């Protein structure tokens, strides 16, 4: 009744093994199976693709000169930023109480529901067809910038390789490593 970590790493990679540990509620029996690992691999892809989508839309964005002030964000962008801020508050509280599984499930739900199924779906036309330097596009890019940076910092304890590798791509000034960045407030 055991799943060898080496076998998991060979098939799914070390990040999925870390996510299995992080997603498990250590107060109950910890289970591991092919189905659980397949689900975690899918969740990992969802998180990774969310960060990739956000970063891919920041190629011409400089936060120092292009970011829109929070009070000037368009309503949809303000909503998405509010959802992100709520996620970060829940993640901080969960990390402080060693409830890593709460962070994992909240991030996956956020990436799947609020971002992918709602925000990204609505904003794709804005990002691809709006004036390059217009308020609509810059407002959306401001939120995508925050999504990418905040998710990478919040996920670093669980997906250390992915977070560190992706950390070089957000534009603007940042710490040398994702592990040296301040947790979003």
C-alpha atoms as a PDB file:
ATOM      1  CA  UNK A   1       0.000   0.000   0.000  1.00  0.00           C
ATOM      2  CA  UNK A   2       2.698   2.452  -0.875  1.00  0.00           C
ATOM      3  CA  UNK A   3       3.445   4.772  -3.760  1.00  0.00           C
ATOM      4  CA  UNK A   4       7.189   5.272  -4.140  1.00  0.00           C
ATOM      5  CA  UNK A   5       8.202   8.951  -4.385  1.00  0.00           C
ATOM      6  CA  UNK A   6      10.771   8.094  -7.078  1.00  0.00           C
ATOM      7  CA  UNK A   7       8.021   6.606  -9.235  1.00  0.00           C
ATOM      8  CA  UNK A   8       5.859   9.713  -8.755  1.00  0.00           C
ATOM      9  CA  UNK A   9       8.749  11.996  -9.714  1.00  0.00           C
ATOM     10  CA  UNK A  10       9.532   9.920 -12.810  1.00  0.00           C
ATOM     11  CA  UNK A  11       5.941   9.991 -14.001  1.00  0.00           C
ATOM     12  CA  UNK A  12       4.668  13.392 -12.815  1.00  0.00           C
ATOM     13  CA  UNK A  13       7.700  15.424 -11.699  1.00  0.00           C
ATOM     14  CA  UNK A  14       8.795  16.768  -8.344  1.00  0.00           C
ATOM     15  CA  UNK A  15       6.290  19.634  -8.387  1.00  0.00           C
ATOM     16  CA  UNK A  16       3.324  17.255  -8.421  1.00  0.00           C
ATOM     17  CA  UNK A  17       4.850  15.334  -5.523  1.00  0.00           C
ATOM     18  CA  UNK A  18       5.180  18.615  -3.605  1.00  0.00           C
ATOM     19  CA  UNK A  19       1.584  19.477  -4.466  1.00  0.00           C
ATOM     20  CA  UNK A  20       0.446  16.101  -3.163  1.00  0.00           C
ATOM     21  CA  UNK A  21       2.101  16.861   0.174  1.00  0.00           C
ATOM     22  CA  UNK A  22       0.754  20.421   0.237  1.00  0.00           C
ATOM     23  CA  UNK A  23      -2.771  19.382  -0.749  1.00  0.00           C
ATOM     24  CA  UNK A  24      -3.026  16.704   1.923  1.00  0.00           C
ATOM     25  CA  UNK A  25      -4.729  17.581   5.182  1.00  0.00           C
ATOM     26  CA  UNK A  26      -2.241  16.097   7.622  1.00  0.00           C
ATOM     27  CA  UNK A  27      -4.906  15.955  10.358  1.00  0.00           C
ATOM     28  CA  UNK A  28      -6.638  13.093   8.509  1.00  0.00           C
ATOM     29  CA  UNK A  29      -5.398   9.963   6.814  1.00  0.00           C
ATOM     30  CA  UNK A  30      -3.157  10.931   3.897  1.00  0.00           C
ATOM     31  CA  UNK A  31      -4.011   9.025   0.758  1.00  0.00           C
ATOM     32  CA  UNK A  32      -2.100   8.646  -2.474  1.00  0.00           C
ATOM     33  CA  UNK A  33      -3.195   6.903  -5.648  1.00  0.00           C
ATOM     34  CA  UNK A  34      -2.873   7.206  -9.403  1.00  0.00           C
ATOM     35  CA  UNK A  35      -6.233   9.027  -9.536  1.00  0.00           C
ATOM     36  CA  UNK A  36      -5.175  11.536  -6.881  1.00  0.00           C
ATOM     37  CA  UNK A  37      -1.869  12.157  -8.648  1.00  0.00           C
ATOM     38  CA  UNK A  38      -3.605  12.533 -12.023  1.00  0.00           C
ATOM     39  CA  UNK A  39      -5.895  15.162 -10.479  1.00  0.00           C
ATOM     40  CA  UNK A  40      -2.930  16.965  -8.944  1.00  0.00           C
ATOM     41  CA  UNK A  41      -1.112  16.917 -12.288  1.00  0.00           C
ATOM     42  CA  UNK A  42      -4.168  18.528 -13.883  1.00  0.00           C
ATOM     43  CA  UNK A  43      -4.307  21.147 -11.109  1.00  0.00           C
ATOM     44  CA  UNK A  44      -0.610  21.857 -11.594  1.00  0.00           C
ATOM     45  CA  UNK A  45      -1.167  22.383 -15.334  1.00  0.00           C
ATOM     46  CA  UNK A  46      -4.053  24.753 -14.556  1.00  0.00           C
ATOM     47  CA  UNK A  47      -1.871  26.815 -12.202  1.00  0.00           C
ATOM     48  CA  UNK A  48       1.088  26.824 -14.589  1.00  0.00           C
ATOM     49  CA  UNK A  49      -1.086  27.808 -17.559  1.00  0.00           C
ATOM     50  CA  UNK A  50      -2.701  30.593 -15.531  1.00  0.00           C
ATOM     51  CA  UNK A  51       0.692  32.094 -14.730  1.00  0.00           C
ATOM     52  CA  UNK A  52       1.848  31.574 -18.324  1.00  0.00           C
ATOM     53  CA  UNK A  53      -1.241  33.348 -19.693  1.00  0.00           C
ATOM     54  CA  UNK A  54      -0.731  36.298 -17.362  1.00  0.00           C
ATOM     55  CA  UNK A  55       2.964  36.588 -18.211  1.00  0.00           C
ATOM     56  CA  UNK A  56       2.391  36.245 -21.954  1.00  0.00           C
ATOM     57  CA  UNK A  57       0.215  39.348 -21.917  1.00  0.00           C
ATOM     58  CA  UNK A  58       2.848  41.501 -20.198  1.00  0.00           C
ATOM     59  CA  UNK A  59       5.430  41.585 -22.996  1.00  0.00           C
ATOM     60  CA  UNK A  60       4.908  45.341 -23.557  1.00  0.00           C
ATOM     61  CA  UNK A  61       4.011  46.298 -19.971  1.00  0.00           C
ATOM     62  CA  UNK A  62       6.297  48.263 -17.665  1.00  0.00           C
ATOM     63  CA  UNK A  63       4.688  48.497 -14.225  1.00  0.00           C
ATOM     64  CA  UNK A  64       6.613  51.657 -13.373  1.00  0.00           C
ATOM     65  CA  UNK A  65       5.017  53.638 -16.201  1.00  0.00           C
ATOM     66  CA  UNK A  66       2.047  51.594 -17.476  1.00  0.00           C
ATOM     67  CA  UNK A  67       0.324  50.411 -14.278  1.00  0.00           C
ATOM     68  CA  UNK A  68      -3.105  51.852 -13.578  1.00  0.00           C
ATOM     69  CA  UNK A  69      -3.801  53.029 -10.034  1.00  0.00           C
ATOM     70  CA  UNK A  70      -6.185  50.749  -8.141  1.00  0.00           C
ATOM     71  CA  UNK A  71      -8.883  53.397  -7.843  1.00  0.00           C
ATOM     72  CA  UNK A  72      -8.759  53.947 -11.634  1.00  0.00           C
ATOM     73  CA  UNK A  73      -9.071  50.282 -12.624  1.00  0.00           C
ATOM     74  CA  UNK A  74     -12.074  49.436 -14.752  1.00  0.00           C
ATOM     75  CA  UNK A  75     -14.840  47.572 -12.859  1.00  0.00           C
ATOM     76  CA  UNK A  76     -14.026  44.065 -14.110  1.00  0.00           C
ATOM     77  CA  UNK A  77     -10.347  44.567 -13.355  1.00  0.00           C
ATOM     78  CA  UNK A  78     -11.137  45.970  -9.915  1.00  0.00           C
ATOM     79  CA  UNK A  79     -13.263  42.878  -9.245  1.00  0.00           C
ATOM     80  CA  UNK A  80     -10.451  40.534 -10.310  1.00  0.00           C
ATOM     81  CA  UNK A  81      -7.935  42.405  -8.171  1.00  0.00           C
ATOM     82  CA  UNK A  82     -10.317  42.236  -5.217  1.00  0.00           C
ATOM     83  CA  UNK A  83     -10.623  38.482  -5.703  1.00  0.00           C
ATOM     84  CA  UNK A  84      -6.825  38.189  -5.865  1.00  0.00           C
ATOM     85  CA  UNK A  85      -6.442  40.250  -2.693  1.00  0.00           C
ATOM     86  CA  UNK A  86      -8.970  37.999  -0.953  1.00  0.00           C
ATOM     87  CA  UNK A  87      -7.045  34.922  -2.075  1.00  0.00           C
ATOM     88  CA  UNK A  88      -3.779  36.356  -0.783  1.00  0.00           C
ATOM     89  CA  UNK A  89      -5.362  37.131   2.610  1.00  0.00           C
ATOM     90  CA  UNK A  90      -6.702  33.554   2.855  1.00  0.00           C
ATOM     91  CA  UNK A  91      -3.340  32.140   1.753  1.00  0.00           C
ATOM     92  CA  UNK A  92      -1.425  34.202   4.309  1.00  0.00           C
ATOM     93  CA  UNK A  93      -3.748  33.097   7.111  1.00  0.00           C
ATOM     94  CA  UNK A  94      -3.544  29.458   5.998  1.00  0.00           C
ATOM     95  CA  UNK A  95       0.250  29.509   5.795  1.00  0.00           C
ATOM     96  CA  UNK A  96       0.458  31.063   9.252  1.00  0.00           C
ATOM     97  CA  UNK A  97      -1.659  28.228  10.652  1.00  0.00           C
ATOM     98  CA  UNK A  98       0.213  25.535   8.643  1.00  0.00           C
ATOM     99  CA  UNK A  99      -2.850  24.651   6.585  1.00  0.00           C
ATOM    100  CA  UNK A 100      -1.080  24.256   3.260  1.00  0.00           C
ATOM    101  CA  UNK A 101      -3.960  22.272   1.798  1.00  0.00           C
ATOM    102  CA  UNK A 102      -6.187  25.337   2.209  1.00  0.00           C
ATOM    103  CA  UNK A 103      -3.729  27.416   0.149  1.00  0.00           C
ATOM    104  CA  UNK A 104      -3.523  24.787  -2.567  1.00  0.00           C
ATOM    105  CA  UNK A 105      -7.271  24.338  -2.929  1.00  0.00           C
ATOM    106  CA  UNK A 106      -7.933  28.094  -2.808  1.00  0.00           C
ATOM    107  CA  UNK A 107      -5.340  28.766  -5.524  1.00  0.00           C
ATOM    108  CA  UNK A 108      -6.662  26.004  -7.797  1.00  0.00           C
ATOM    109  CA  UNK A 109     -10.230  27.235  -7.343  1.00  0.00           C
ATOM    110  CA  UNK A 110      -9.153  30.826  -8.029  1.00  0.00           C
ATOM    111  CA  UNK A 111      -7.250  29.852 -11.180  1.00  0.00           C
ATOM    112  CA  UNK A 112     -10.091  27.692 -12.493  1.00  0.00           C
ATOM    113  CA  UNK A 113     -13.141  29.739 -11.550  1.00  0.00           C
ATOM    114  CA  UNK A 114     -12.383  33.417 -11.085  1.00  0.00           C
ATOM    115  CA  UNK A 115      -9.550  33.656 -13.601  1.00  0.00           C
ATOM    116  CA  UNK A 116      -9.833  31.063 -16.363  1.00  0.00           C
ATOM    117  CA  UNK A 117     -13.590  30.632 -16.570  1.00  0.00           C
ATOM    118  CA  UNK A 118     -14.468  34.276 -15.928  1.00  0.00           C
ATOM    119  CA  UNK A 119     -11.824  36.995 -16.019  1.00  0.00           C
ATOM    120  CA  UNK A 120      -9.515  35.617 -18.725  1.00  0.00           C
ATOM    121  CA  UNK A 121     -12.441  34.621 -20.908  1.00  0.00           C
ATOM    122  CA  UNK A 122     -13.944  38.114 -20.774  1.00  0.00           C
ATOM    123  CA  UNK A 123     -10.649  40.004 -21.070  1.00  0.00           C
ATOM    124  CA  UNK A 124      -9.084  38.149 -23.987  1.00  0.00           C
ATOM    125  CA  UNK A 125     -10.705  40.457 -26.544  1.00  0.00           C
ATOM    126  CA  UNK A 126      -9.579  43.523 -24.614  1.00  0.00           C
ATOM    127  CA  UNK A 127      -6.012  42.271 -24.464  1.00  0.00           C
ATOM    128  CA  UNK A 128      -5.841  41.376 -28.149  1.00  0.00           C
ATOM    129  CA  UNK A 129      -7.876  44.129 -29.819  1.00  0.00           C
ATOM    130  CA  UNK A 130      -7.819  47.239 -27.610  1.00  0.00           C
ATOM    131  CA  UNK A 131      -5.482  50.143 -28.189  1.00  0.00           C
ATOM    132  CA  UNK A 132      -2.004  49.102 -27.113  1.00  0.00           C
ATOM    133  CA  UNK A 133      -1.607  51.945 -24.619  1.00  0.00           C
ATOM    134  CA  UNK A 134      -5.301  52.476 -23.876  1.00  0.00           C
ATOM    135  CA  UNK A 135      -6.851  52.389 -20.422  1.00  0.00           C
ATOM    136  CA  UNK A 136      -8.808  49.160 -21.069  1.00  0.00           C
ATOM    137  CA  UNK A 137      -5.693  47.197 -21.955  1.00  0.00           C
ATOM    138  CA  UNK A 138      -3.430  48.776 -19.336  1.00  0.00           C
ATOM    139  CA  UNK A 139      -6.048  48.194 -16.640  1.00  0.00           C
ATOM    140  CA  UNK A 140      -6.201  44.505 -17.548  1.00  0.00           C
ATOM    141  CA  UNK A 141      -2.411  44.258 -17.751  1.00  0.00           C
ATOM    142  CA  UNK A 142      -2.081  45.822 -14.306  1.00  0.00           C
ATOM    143  CA  UNK A 143      -4.214  43.036 -12.879  1.00  0.00           C
ATOM    144  CA  UNK A 144      -2.379  40.345 -14.852  1.00  0.00           C
ATOM    145  CA  UNK A 145       0.915  41.697 -13.529  1.00  0.00           C
ATOM    146  CA  UNK A 146      -0.342  41.410  -9.961  1.00  0.00           C
ATOM    147  CA  UNK A 147      -1.806  37.960 -10.639  1.00  0.00           C
ATOM    148  CA  UNK A 148       1.513  36.661 -11.962  1.00  0.00           C
ATOM    149  CA  UNK A 149       3.674  38.138  -9.203  1.00  0.00           C
ATOM    150  CA  UNK A 150       1.338  37.341  -6.316  1.00  0.00           C
ATOM    151  CA  UNK A 151       0.618  33.781  -7.430  1.00  0.00           C
ATOM    152  CA  UNK A 152       4.317  33.039  -7.893  1.00  0.00           C
ATOM    153  CA  UNK A 153       5.110  34.270  -4.390  1.00  0.00           C
ATOM    154  CA  UNK A 154       2.167  32.435  -2.844  1.00  0.00           C
ATOM    155  CA  UNK A 155       2.993  29.213  -4.687  1.00  0.00           C
ATOM    156  CA  UNK A 156       6.746  29.264  -4.089  1.00  0.00           C
ATOM    157  CA  UNK A 157       6.621  27.003  -1.001  1.00  0.00           C
ATOM    158  CA  UNK A 158       4.626  24.399  -2.948  1.00  0.00           C
ATOM    159  CA  UNK A 159       6.017  24.713  -6.481  1.00  0.00           C
ATOM    160  CA  UNK A 160       9.521  25.929  -5.835  1.00  0.00           C
ATOM    161  CA  UNK A 161      11.050  25.017  -9.211  1.00  0.00           C
ATOM    162  CA  UNK A 162       8.208  26.429 -11.273  1.00  0.00           C
ATOM    163  CA  UNK A 163       7.914  29.610  -9.213  1.00  0.00           C
ATOM    164  CA  UNK A 164      11.634  30.331  -9.280  1.00  0.00           C
ATOM    165  CA  UNK A 165      11.892  29.644 -13.013  1.00  0.00           C
ATOM    166  CA  UNK A 166       8.903  31.853 -13.849  1.00  0.00           C
ATOM    167  CA  UNK A 167      10.087  34.632 -11.519  1.00  0.00           C
ATOM    168  CA  UNK A 168      12.478  35.975 -14.155  1.00  0.00           C
ATOM    169  CA  UNK A 169       9.610  36.848 -16.508  1.00  0.00           C
ATOM    170  CA  UNK A 170       7.381  39.403 -14.724  1.00  0.00           C
ATOM    171  CA  UNK A 171       8.470  42.859 -15.839  1.00  0.00           C
ATOM    172  CA  UNK A 172       9.702  45.578 -13.497  1.00  0.00           C
ATOM    173  CA  UNK A 173      11.867  45.655 -10.424  1.00  0.00           C
ATOM    174  CA  UNK A 174      11.710  42.611  -8.211  1.00  0.00           C
ATOM    175  CA  UNK A 175      13.839  40.660  -5.792  1.00  0.00           C
ATOM    176  CA  UNK A 176      16.528  38.401  -7.183  1.00  0.00           C
ATOM    177  CA  UNK A 177      14.574  35.293  -6.162  1.00  0.00           C
ATOM    178  CA  UNK A 178      10.897  34.585  -5.590  1.00  0.00           C
ATOM    179  CA  UNK A 179      11.940  33.316  -2.161  1.00  0.00           C
ATOM    180  CA  UNK A 180      13.209  36.784  -1.237  1.00  0.00           C
ATOM    181  CA  UNK A 181      10.022  38.561  -2.290  1.00  0.00           C
ATOM    182  CA  UNK A 182       7.601  39.861   0.311  1.00  0.00           C
ATOM    183  CA  UNK A 183       4.320  38.000   0.579  1.00  0.00           C
ATOM    184  CA  UNK A 184       1.537  40.109  -0.963  1.00  0.00           C
ATOM    185  CA  UNK A 185      -0.492  42.114   1.516  1.00  0.00           C
END
